[in-house]
Amino acid sequence: MAIRYRSIAKEASAEQIIDRSRFIAHIGRCTSREEAERYIADIRERYRDATHNVPCFICGEKQELMWASDDGEPSGTSGPSMLQMFAREGLTNIVCVVTRYFGGIKLGTGGLVRAYTSSARLALEAAGIREVRDMREIRLRIPYAALEKLRHMEQNLPFAMYDLEYTDSVTLSISYEPEDEENVLLPIRELLAAEPEILESKSFLR
């Protein structure tokens, strides 16, 4: 499987109360420091009356850029602990901010670590994890007589078919992982008894 990296499936948030302190975690996608900083700034503006807005982010397919801040909490108890949790999960291109409204009870060093990492994990669970893969897409033209057989092949072979256009023939796109190329194209050649008429070919990430 051509997995490039692991990230979140969608933007999400989660909230919990711990010893009267309210923790609100937001997690989003980013592909650069600038995107992460904009996300962090937006959350800080939204919760500008909070006691702390603790951020961290990881960018790059190989986690090349990592950054975290405690935002006034004792050193190492909040942002860095969240960052370590995400890094251990092998995640990247993510940004997270955990907002805290202090409830009057001090949690201690260990309590803060648990509170911030558990809040970040709740947001991660709400977001879900996706594996980003290399994909190939080809746009091809086939005769109408081959369409139903190709639909049947789609149920048993590792490709997806979409964006169909009907004129004097059928134009459609199929996508597959690069290592499956021959497993996909060989049956199509056999179906058509010829090389498929490929109009366009490109690579993308999914």
C-alpha atoms as a PDB file:
ATOM      1  CA  MET A   1       0.000   0.000   0.000  1.00  0.00           C
ATOM      2  CA  ALA A   2       1.419   3.380  -1.021  1.00  0.00           C
ATOM      3  CA  ILE A   3       0.677   5.255   2.191  1.00  0.00           C
ATOM      4  CA  ARG A   4       2.362   8.667   2.160  1.00  0.00           C
ATOM      5  CA  TYR A   5       1.367   9.787   5.659  1.00  0.00           C
ATOM      6  CA  ARG A   6      -1.346   9.672   8.325  1.00  0.00           C
ATOM      7  CA  SER A   7      -3.443  12.705   9.209  1.00  0.00           C
ATOM      8  CA  ILE A   8      -6.925  13.551  10.439  1.00  0.00           C
ATOM      9  CA  ALA A   9     -10.013  12.793   8.369  1.00  0.00           C
ATOM     10  CA  LYS A  10     -11.789  16.064   9.190  1.00  0.00           C
ATOM     11  CA  GLU A  11     -11.693  19.112  11.434  1.00  0.00           C
ATOM     12  CA  ALA A  12     -13.292  18.469  14.826  1.00  0.00           C
ATOM     13  CA  SER A  13     -13.626  19.619  18.429  1.00  0.00           C
ATOM     14  CA  ALA A  14     -14.319  18.079  21.831  1.00  0.00           C
ATOM     15  CA  GLU A  15     -14.931  19.352  25.338  1.00  0.00           C
ATOM     16  CA  GLN A  16     -14.623  18.042  28.882  1.00  0.00           C
ATOM     17  CA  ILE A  17     -14.733  19.337  32.473  1.00  0.00           C
ATOM     18  CA  ILE A  18     -11.932  18.312  34.854  1.00  0.00           C
ATOM     19  CA  ASP A  19     -12.060  19.542  38.464  1.00  0.00           C
ATOM     20  CA  ARG A  20     -14.239  22.485  37.399  1.00  0.00           C
ATOM     21  CA  SER A  21     -11.816  23.560  34.640  1.00  0.00           C
ATOM     22  CA  ARG A  22     -13.348  23.543  31.175  1.00  0.00           C
ATOM     23  CA  PHE A  23     -11.158  22.162  28.387  1.00  0.00           C
ATOM     24  CA  ILE A  24     -12.147  22.708  24.736  1.00  0.00           C
ATOM     25  CA  ALA A  25      -9.985  21.050  22.080  1.00  0.00           C
ATOM     26  CA  HIS A  26     -10.008  21.972  18.386  1.00  0.00           C
ATOM     27  CA  ILE A  27      -8.074  20.044  15.754  1.00  0.00           C
ATOM     28  CA  GLY A  28      -7.620  20.910  12.080  1.00  0.00           C
ATOM     29  CA  ARG A  29      -5.481  20.275   9.028  1.00  0.00           C
ATOM     30  CA  CYS A  30      -2.437  22.275   7.971  1.00  0.00           C
ATOM     31  CA  THR A  31       0.314  21.838   5.415  1.00  0.00           C
ATOM     32  CA  SER A  32       2.542  24.743   6.458  1.00  0.00           C
ATOM     33  CA  ARG A  33       3.526  26.842   9.462  1.00  0.00           C
ATOM     34  CA  GLU A  34       1.501  29.733   8.037  1.00  0.00           C
ATOM     35  CA  GLU A  35      -1.705  27.666   7.851  1.00  0.00           C
ATOM     36  CA  ALA A  36      -1.162  26.388  11.383  1.00  0.00           C
ATOM     37  CA  GLU A  37      -0.537  29.869  12.750  1.00  0.00           C
ATOM     38  CA  ARG A  38      -3.716  31.178  11.112  1.00  0.00           C
ATOM     39  CA  TYR A  39      -5.725  28.356  12.678  1.00  0.00           C
ATOM     40  CA  ILE A  40      -4.198  29.020  16.103  1.00  0.00           C
ATOM     41  CA  ALA A  41      -4.879  32.756  15.791  1.00  0.00           C
ATOM     42  CA  ASP A  42      -8.527  32.076  14.908  1.00  0.00           C
ATOM     43  CA  ILE A  43      -9.031  29.883  17.984  1.00  0.00           C
ATOM     44  CA  ARG A  44      -7.284  32.392  20.242  1.00  0.00           C
ATOM     45  CA  GLU A  45      -9.538  35.153  18.940  1.00  0.00           C
ATOM     46  CA  ARG A  46     -12.651  33.027  19.426  1.00  0.00           C
ATOM     47  CA  TYR A  47     -11.670  32.236  23.023  1.00  0.00           C
ATOM     48  CA  ARG A  48      -9.801  35.429  23.887  1.00  0.00           C
ATOM     49  CA  ASP A  49     -11.374  35.434  27.391  1.00  0.00           C
ATOM     50  CA  ALA A  50      -9.961  31.962  28.206  1.00  0.00           C
ATOM     51  CA  THR A  51      -7.231  31.379  30.794  1.00  0.00           C
ATOM     52  CA  HIS A  52      -5.033  29.504  28.280  1.00  0.00           C
ATOM     53  CA  ASN A  53      -5.105  28.603  24.583  1.00  0.00           C
ATOM     54  CA  VAL A  54      -2.465  25.892  24.269  1.00  0.00           C
ATOM     55  CA  PRO A  55      -1.337  25.113  20.671  1.00  0.00           C
ATOM     56  CA  CYS A  56       0.767  22.585  18.827  1.00  0.00           C
ATOM     57  CA  PHE A  57       1.223  21.527  15.223  1.00  0.00           C
ATOM     58  CA  ILE A  58       3.075  19.029  13.029  1.00  0.00           C
ATOM     59  CA  CYS A  59       3.711  19.611   9.314  1.00  0.00           C
ATOM     60  CA  GLY A  60       5.463  17.677   6.552  1.00  0.00           C
ATOM     61  CA  GLU A  61       5.076  14.123   5.291  1.00  0.00           C
ATOM     62  CA  LYS A  62       7.917  13.022   7.569  1.00  0.00           C
ATOM     63  CA  GLN A  63       6.899  15.277  10.486  1.00  0.00           C
ATOM     64  CA  GLU A  64       9.707  17.688   9.555  1.00  0.00           C
ATOM     65  CA  LEU A  65       8.187  20.646  11.410  1.00  0.00           C
ATOM     66  CA  MET A  66       6.939  20.301  14.993  1.00  0.00           C
ATOM     67  CA  TRP A  67       6.077  23.121  17.390  1.00  0.00           C
ATOM     68  CA  ALA A  68       4.229  23.529  20.679  1.00  0.00           C
ATOM     69  CA  SER A  69       3.678  26.117  23.397  1.00  0.00           C
ATOM     70  CA  ASP A  70       2.499  25.875  27.011  1.00  0.00           C
ATOM     71  CA  ASP A  71       0.857  29.324  26.742  1.00  0.00           C
ATOM     72  CA  GLY A  72       1.476  30.130  30.384  1.00  0.00           C
ATOM     73  CA  GLU A  73       0.956  26.667  31.856  1.00  0.00           C
ATOM     74  CA  PRO A  74       3.958  25.119  33.695  1.00  0.00           C
ATOM     75  CA  SER A  75       6.703  24.157  31.245  1.00  0.00           C
ATOM     76  CA  GLY A  76       6.146  20.887  29.396  1.00  0.00           C
ATOM     77  CA  THR A  77       2.743  20.128  30.899  1.00  0.00           C
ATOM     78  CA  SER A  78       0.443  21.013  28.019  1.00  0.00           C
ATOM     79  CA  GLY A  79       1.504  21.801  24.431  1.00  0.00           C
ATOM     80  CA  PRO A  80       4.593  19.539  24.371  1.00  0.00           C
ATOM     81  CA  SER A  81       2.654  16.631  25.892  1.00  0.00           C
ATOM     82  CA  MET A  82      -0.049  17.020  23.229  1.00  0.00           C
ATOM     83  CA  LEU A  83       2.625  17.188  20.520  1.00  0.00           C
ATOM     84  CA  GLN A  84       4.291  13.998  21.764  1.00  0.00           C
ATOM     85  CA  MET A  85       0.968  12.169  21.718  1.00  0.00           C
ATOM     86  CA  PHE A  86       0.301  13.131  18.089  1.00  0.00           C
ATOM     87  CA  ALA A  87       3.885  12.281  17.068  1.00  0.00           C
ATOM     88  CA  ARG A  88       3.637   8.828  18.675  1.00  0.00           C
ATOM     89  CA  GLU A  89       0.492   8.203  16.616  1.00  0.00           C
ATOM     90  CA  GLY A  90       2.521   8.935  13.482  1.00  0.00           C
ATOM     91  CA  LEU A  91       0.299  11.873  12.527  1.00  0.00           C
ATOM     92  CA  THR A  92       1.237  14.942  10.526  1.00  0.00           C
ATOM     93  CA  ASN A  93      -0.274  17.992   8.819  1.00  0.00           C
ATOM     94  CA  ILE A  94      -2.371  18.654  11.916  1.00  0.00           C
ATOM     95  CA  VAL A  95      -2.834  21.602  14.258  1.00  0.00           C
ATOM     96  CA  CYS A  96      -4.494  21.457  17.656  1.00  0.00           C
ATOM     97  CA  VAL A  97      -5.444  24.079  20.239  1.00  0.00           C
ATOM     98  CA  VAL A  98      -6.755  23.165  23.684  1.00  0.00           C
ATOM     99  CA  THR A  99      -8.501  26.041  25.431  1.00  0.00           C
ATOM    100  CA  ARG A 100      -8.775  26.091  29.221  1.00  0.00           C
ATOM    101  CA  TYR A 101     -11.110  28.067  31.435  1.00  0.00           C
ATOM    102  CA  PHE A 102      -9.626  27.723  34.925  1.00  0.00           C
ATOM    103  CA  GLY A 103     -12.137  26.417  37.445  1.00  0.00           C
ATOM    104  CA  GLY A 104     -10.321  27.333  40.649  1.00  0.00           C
ATOM    105  CA  ILE A 105      -8.709  23.959  41.421  1.00  0.00           C
ATOM    106  CA  LYS A 106      -5.029  23.435  40.567  1.00  0.00           C
ATOM    107  CA  LEU A 107      -4.417  20.128  38.796  1.00  0.00           C
ATOM    108  CA  GLY A 108      -0.702  19.713  39.458  1.00  0.00           C
ATOM    109  CA  THR A 109       1.914  18.785  36.872  1.00  0.00           C
ATOM    110  CA  GLY A 110       0.667  15.251  36.228  1.00  0.00           C
ATOM    111  CA  GLY A 111      -2.939  16.373  36.237  1.00  0.00           C
ATOM    112  CA  LEU A 112      -2.234  19.046  33.621  1.00  0.00           C
ATOM    113  CA  VAL A 113      -0.456  16.567  31.345  1.00  0.00           C
ATOM    114  CA  ARG A 114      -3.391  14.157  31.578  1.00  0.00           C
ATOM    115  CA  ALA A 115      -5.983  16.907  31.096  1.00  0.00           C
ATOM    116  CA  TYR A 116      -4.397  18.391  27.989  1.00  0.00           C
ATOM    117  CA  THR A 117      -3.455  15.117  26.306  1.00  0.00           C
ATOM    118  CA  SER A 118      -6.857  13.560  26.999  1.00  0.00           C
ATOM    119  CA  SER A 119      -8.606  16.660  25.631  1.00  0.00           C
ATOM    120  CA  ALA A 120      -6.464  16.558  22.482  1.00  0.00           C
ATOM    121  CA  ARG A 121      -7.173  12.828  22.113  1.00  0.00           C
ATOM    122  CA  LEU A 122     -10.933  13.414  22.387  1.00  0.00           C
ATOM    123  CA  ALA A 123     -10.683  15.864  19.480  1.00  0.00           C
ATOM    124  CA  LEU A 124      -8.566  13.369  17.539  1.00  0.00           C
ATOM    125  CA  GLU A 125     -11.156  10.639  18.086  1.00  0.00           C
ATOM    126  CA  ALA A 126     -13.873  13.001  16.835  1.00  0.00           C
ATOM    127  CA  ALA A 127     -11.796  13.867  13.759  1.00  0.00           C
ATOM    128  CA  GLY A 128     -10.804  10.322  12.832  1.00  0.00           C
ATOM    129  CA  ILE A 129      -7.582   9.245  11.126  1.00  0.00           C
ATOM    130  CA  ARG A 130      -7.046   8.930   7.386  1.00  0.00           C
ATOM    131  CA  GLU A 131      -4.164   7.352   5.515  1.00  0.00           C
ATOM    132  CA  VAL A 132      -3.121   9.591   2.635  1.00  0.00           C
ATOM    133  CA  ARG A 133      -2.082   7.520  -0.382  1.00  0.00           C
ATOM    134  CA  ASP A 134      -0.556   7.954  -3.825  1.00  0.00           C
ATOM    135  CA  MET A 135      -3.233   7.486  -6.492  1.00  0.00           C
ATOM    136  CA  ARG A 136      -3.410   7.408 -10.287  1.00  0.00           C
ATOM    137  CA  GLU A 137      -6.333   8.655 -12.363  1.00  0.00           C
ATOM    138  CA  ILE A 138      -6.931   8.042 -16.034  1.00  0.00           C
ATOM    139  CA  ARG A 139      -9.647   9.487 -18.243  1.00  0.00           C
ATOM    140  CA  LEU A 140     -10.652   7.071 -20.999  1.00  0.00           C
ATOM    141  CA  ARG A 141     -13.222   6.525 -23.716  1.00  0.00           C
ATOM    142  CA  ILE A 142     -15.013   3.196 -24.153  1.00  0.00           C
ATOM    143  CA  PRO A 143     -17.879   1.927 -26.318  1.00  0.00           C
ATOM    144  CA  TYR A 144     -21.331   1.585 -24.743  1.00  0.00           C
ATOM    145  CA  ALA A 145     -21.147  -2.181 -25.143  1.00  0.00           C
ATOM    146  CA  ALA A 146     -18.268  -2.344 -22.637  1.00  0.00           C
ATOM    147  CA  LEU A 147     -19.859  -0.188 -19.923  1.00  0.00           C
ATOM    148  CA  GLU A 148     -21.842  -2.798 -17.995  1.00  0.00           C
ATOM    149  CA  LYS A 149     -18.931  -5.242 -18.059  1.00  0.00           C
ATOM    150  CA  LEU A 150     -16.659  -2.494 -16.724  1.00  0.00           C
ATOM    151  CA  ARG A 151     -19.175  -1.769 -13.927  1.00  0.00           C
ATOM    152  CA  HIS A 152     -19.066  -5.451 -13.002  1.00  0.00           C
ATOM    153  CA  MET A 153     -15.253  -5.443 -13.039  1.00  0.00           C
ATOM    154  CA  GLU A 154     -15.279  -2.470 -10.664  1.00  0.00           C
ATOM    155  CA  GLN A 155     -16.873  -4.674  -7.992  1.00  0.00           C
ATOM    156  CA  ASN A 156     -13.971  -7.135  -8.113  1.00  0.00           C
ATOM    157  CA  LEU A 157     -10.919  -5.081  -9.054  1.00  0.00           C
ATOM    158  CA  PRO A 158      -9.055  -2.333  -7.108  1.00  0.00           C
ATOM    159  CA  PHE A 159     -10.314   0.724  -9.006  1.00  0.00           C
ATOM    160  CA  ALA A 160     -13.139   3.260  -8.745  1.00  0.00           C
ATOM    161  CA  MET A 161     -15.131   4.591 -11.708  1.00  0.00           C
ATOM    162  CA  TYR A 162     -16.741   8.057 -11.817  1.00  0.00           C
ATOM    163  CA  ASP A 163     -17.504  11.223 -13.849  1.00  0.00           C
ATOM    164  CA  LEU A 164     -19.238   9.426 -16.694  1.00  0.00           C
ATOM    165  CA  GLU A 165     -20.141  11.414 -19.831  1.00  0.00           C
ATOM    166  CA  TYR A 166     -22.412   9.961 -22.486  1.00  0.00           C
ATOM    167  CA  THR A 167     -22.055  10.990 -26.141  1.00  0.00           C
ATOM    168  CA  ASP A 168     -21.511   8.652 -29.097  1.00  0.00           C
ATOM    169  CA  SER A 169     -19.337   6.708 -26.631  1.00  0.00           C
ATOM    170  CA  VAL A 170     -18.763   6.770 -22.866  1.00  0.00           C
ATOM    171  CA  THR A 171     -16.021   8.906 -21.351  1.00  0.00           C
ATOM    172  CA  LEU A 172     -15.148   8.191 -17.722  1.00  0.00           C
ATOM    173  CA  SER A 173     -12.433   8.401 -15.085  1.00  0.00           C
ATOM    174  CA  ILE A 174     -11.009   5.567 -13.040  1.00  0.00           C
ATOM    175  CA  SER A 175      -8.594   5.805 -10.116  1.00  0.00           C
ATOM    176  CA  TYR A 176      -6.355   3.214  -8.498  1.00  0.00           C
ATOM    177  CA  GLU A 177      -3.160   2.895  -6.483  1.00  0.00           C
ATOM    178  CA  PRO A 178      -0.047   2.933  -8.702  1.00  0.00           C
ATOM    179  CA  GLU A 179       1.019  -0.593  -7.736  1.00  0.00           C
ATOM    180  CA  ASP A 180      -2.340  -1.895  -8.993  1.00  0.00           C
ATOM    181  CA  GLU A 181      -1.915  -0.430 -12.474  1.00  0.00           C
ATOM    182  CA  GLU A 182      -1.361  -3.694 -14.351  1.00  0.00           C
ATOM    183  CA  ASN A 183      -4.062  -5.460 -12.304  1.00  0.00           C
ATOM    184  CA  VAL A 184      -6.468  -2.768 -13.514  1.00  0.00           C
ATOM    185  CA  LEU A 185      -5.334  -2.059 -17.075  1.00  0.00           C
ATOM    186  CA  LEU A 186      -4.772  -5.668 -18.175  1.00  0.00           C
ATOM    187  CA  PRO A 187      -8.443  -6.715 -17.649  1.00  0.00           C
ATOM    188  CA  ILE A 188      -9.562  -3.486 -19.366  1.00  0.00           C
ATOM    189  CA  ARG A 189      -7.355  -4.304 -22.363  1.00  0.00           C
ATOM    190  CA  GLU A 190      -8.866  -7.793 -22.470  1.00  0.00           C
ATOM    191  CA  LEU A 191     -12.381  -6.349 -22.231  1.00  0.00           C
ATOM    192  CA  LEU A 192     -11.794  -3.924 -25.094  1.00  0.00           C
ATOM    193  CA  ALA A 193      -9.568  -6.318 -27.072  1.00  0.00           C
ATOM    194  CA  ALA A 194      -7.318  -3.304 -27.551  1.00  0.00           C
ATOM    195  CA  GLU A 195      -5.346  -0.648 -25.717  1.00  0.00           C
ATOM    196  CA  PRO A 196      -7.801   1.677 -23.900  1.00  0.00           C
ATOM    197  CA  GLU A 197      -8.121   5.171 -25.398  1.00  0.00           C
ATOM    198  CA  ILE A 198      -6.621   7.209 -22.549  1.00  0.00           C
ATOM    199  CA  LEU A 199      -7.422  10.912 -22.829  1.00  0.00           C
ATOM    200  CA  GLU A 200      -5.680  12.085 -19.667  1.00  0.00           C
ATOM    201  CA  SER A 201      -3.519  10.631 -16.903  1.00  0.00           C
ATOM    202  CA  LYS A 202      -2.461  12.194 -13.614  1.00  0.00           C
ATOM    203  CA  SER A 203      -1.276  11.449 -10.092  1.00  0.00           C
ATOM    204  CA  PHE A 204      -2.855  12.763  -6.901  1.00  0.00           C
ATOM    205  CA  LEU A 205      -3.070  12.140  -3.167  1.00  0.00           C
ATOM    206  CA  ARG A 206      -6.152  10.783  -1.432  1.00  0.00           C
END
